[in-house]
């Protein structure tokens, strides 16, 4: 910038928290999905159907609408 500071290094330093949180959220989601998948595979029938319908319910909700709902005051 105009003061002689390296903008890229400041951007990378500032992005550490964001990248760390994104990595943690991804790992948590993968772990939770694996656990639910293993439970659904181990307990077929009613439990598998219940988990599948719950997953379908969450996938049918538009995420932007949930974001607007939970962040508006």
C-alpha atoms as a PDB file:
ATOM      1  CA  UNK A   1       0.000   0.000   0.000  1.00  0.00           C
ATOM      2  CA  UNK A   2       1.036   3.641   0.120  1.00  0.00           C
ATOM      3  CA  UNK A   3       2.874   3.183   3.443  1.00  0.00           C
ATOM      4  CA  UNK A   4       5.134   0.426   2.063  1.00  0.00           C
ATOM      5  CA  UNK A   5       3.441  -2.496   3.804  1.00  0.00           C
ATOM      6  CA  UNK A   6       3.112  -5.834   2.017  1.00  0.00           C
ATOM      7  CA  UNK A   7      -0.591  -6.230   1.328  1.00  0.00           C
ATOM      8  CA  UNK A   8      -0.469  -9.949   0.447  1.00  0.00           C
ATOM      9  CA  UNK A   9       1.257 -10.927   3.703  1.00  0.00           C
ATOM     10  CA  UNK A  10      -1.284  -8.902   5.685  1.00  0.00           C
ATOM     11  CA  UNK A  11      -4.127 -10.583   3.783  1.00  0.00           C
ATOM     12  CA  UNK A  12      -2.725 -14.073   4.426  1.00  0.00           C
ATOM     13  CA  UNK A  13      -2.196 -13.287   8.105  1.00  0.00           C
ATOM     14  CA  UNK A  14      -5.743 -11.977   8.408  1.00  0.00           C
ATOM     15  CA  UNK A  15      -7.191 -15.017   6.635  1.00  0.00           C
ATOM     16  CA  UNK A  16      -5.716 -17.523   9.100  1.00  0.00           C
ATOM     17  CA  UNK A  17      -8.758 -17.466  11.383  1.00  0.00           C
ATOM     18  CA  UNK A  18     -11.180 -17.763   8.481  1.00  0.00           C
ATOM     19  CA  UNK A  19      -9.313 -20.678   6.923  1.00  0.00           C
ATOM     20  CA  UNK A  20      -8.965 -22.407  10.278  1.00  0.00           C
ATOM     21  CA  UNK A  21     -12.676 -22.111  10.991  1.00  0.00           C
ATOM     22  CA  UNK A  22     -13.545 -23.358   7.511  1.00  0.00           C
ATOM     23  CA  UNK A  23     -11.287 -26.377   7.982  1.00  0.00           C
ATOM     24  CA  UNK A  24     -12.759 -27.127  11.418  1.00  0.00           C
ATOM     25  CA  UNK A  25     -16.345 -26.848  10.114  1.00  0.00           C
ATOM     26  CA  UNK A  26     -15.545 -29.137   7.185  1.00  0.00           C
ATOM     27  CA  UNK A  27     -13.947 -31.771   9.402  1.00  0.00           C
ATOM     28  CA  UNK A  28     -16.852 -31.616  11.872  1.00  0.00           C
ATOM     29  CA  UNK A  29     -19.410 -31.987   9.064  1.00  0.00           C
ATOM     30  CA  UNK A  30     -17.526 -34.922   7.554  1.00  0.00           C
ATOM     31  CA  UNK A  31     -17.283 -36.647  10.931  1.00  0.00           C
ATOM     32  CA  UNK A  32     -20.983 -36.106  11.678  1.00  0.00           C
ATOM     33  CA  UNK A  33     -21.944 -37.382   8.220  1.00  0.00           C
ATOM     34  CA  UNK A  34     -19.799 -40.473   8.638  1.00  0.00           C
ATOM     35  CA  UNK A  35     -21.334 -41.237  12.032  1.00  0.00           C
ATOM     36  CA  UNK A  36     -24.889 -40.820  10.707  1.00  0.00           C
ATOM     37  CA  UNK A  37     -24.042 -42.984   7.691  1.00  0.00           C
ATOM     38  CA  UNK A  38     -22.600 -45.740   9.859  1.00  0.00           C
ATOM     39  CA  UNK A  39     -25.634 -45.652  12.170  1.00  0.00           C
ATOM     40  CA  UNK A  40     -27.997 -45.797   9.172  1.00  0.00           C
ATOM     41  CA  UNK A  41     -26.073 -48.736   7.719  1.00  0.00           C
ATOM     42  CA  UNK A  42     -25.902 -50.608  11.018  1.00  0.00           C
ATOM     43  CA  UNK A  43     -29.557 -50.153  12.004  1.00  0.00           C
ATOM     44  CA  UNK A  44     -31.579 -50.748   8.884  1.00  0.00           C
ATOM     45  CA  UNK A  45     -35.306 -50.334   8.670  1.00  0.00           C
ATOM     46  CA  UNK A  46     -36.980 -47.676  10.785  1.00  0.00           C
ATOM     47  CA  UNK A  47     -33.772 -45.895  11.907  1.00  0.00           C
ATOM     48  CA  UNK A  48     -32.424 -45.778   8.359  1.00  0.00           C
ATOM     49  CA  UNK A  49     -35.705 -44.396   7.030  1.00  0.00           C
ATOM     50  CA  UNK A  50     -35.887 -41.803   9.809  1.00  0.00           C
ATOM     51  CA  UNK A  51     -32.335 -40.601   9.168  1.00  0.00           C
ATOM     52  CA  UNK A  52     -32.938 -40.517   5.418  1.00  0.00           C
ATOM     53  CA  UNK A  53     -36.131 -38.462   5.780  1.00  0.00           C
ATOM     54  CA  UNK A  54     -34.392 -36.083   8.205  1.00  0.00           C
ATOM     55  CA  UNK A  55     -31.572 -35.624   5.713  1.00  0.00           C
ATOM     56  CA  UNK A  56     -34.079 -35.017   2.903  1.00  0.00           C
ATOM     57  CA  UNK A  57     -35.831 -32.420   5.055  1.00  0.00           C
ATOM     58  CA  UNK A  58     -32.628 -30.470   5.676  1.00  0.00           C
ATOM     59  CA  UNK A  59     -31.611 -30.662   2.015  1.00  0.00           C
ATOM     60  CA  UNK A  60     -34.997 -29.293   0.914  1.00  0.00           C
ATOM     61  CA  UNK A  61     -34.643 -26.096   2.963  1.00  0.00           C
ATOM     62  CA  UNK A  62     -33.058 -23.185   1.116  1.00  0.00           C
ATOM     63  CA  UNK A  63     -29.994 -22.210   3.130  1.00  0.00           C
ATOM     64  CA  UNK A  64     -30.246 -18.514   2.281  1.00  0.00           C
ATOM     65  CA  UNK A  65     -33.729 -18.348   3.812  1.00  0.00           C
ATOM     66  CA  UNK A  66     -32.482 -19.983   7.014  1.00  0.00           C
ATOM     67  CA  UNK A  67     -29.598 -17.548   7.148  1.00  0.00           C
ATOM     68  CA  UNK A  68     -31.927 -14.581   6.771  1.00  0.00           C
ATOM     69  CA  UNK A  69     -34.290 -15.971   9.408  1.00  0.00           C
ATOM     70  CA  UNK A  70     -31.667 -16.642  12.062  1.00  0.00           C
ATOM     71  CA  UNK A  71     -29.687 -13.445  11.555  1.00  0.00           C
ATOM     72  CA  UNK A  72     -32.522 -10.937  11.411  1.00  0.00           C
ATOM     73  CA  UNK A  73     -32.797  -9.455  14.874  1.00  0.00           C
END
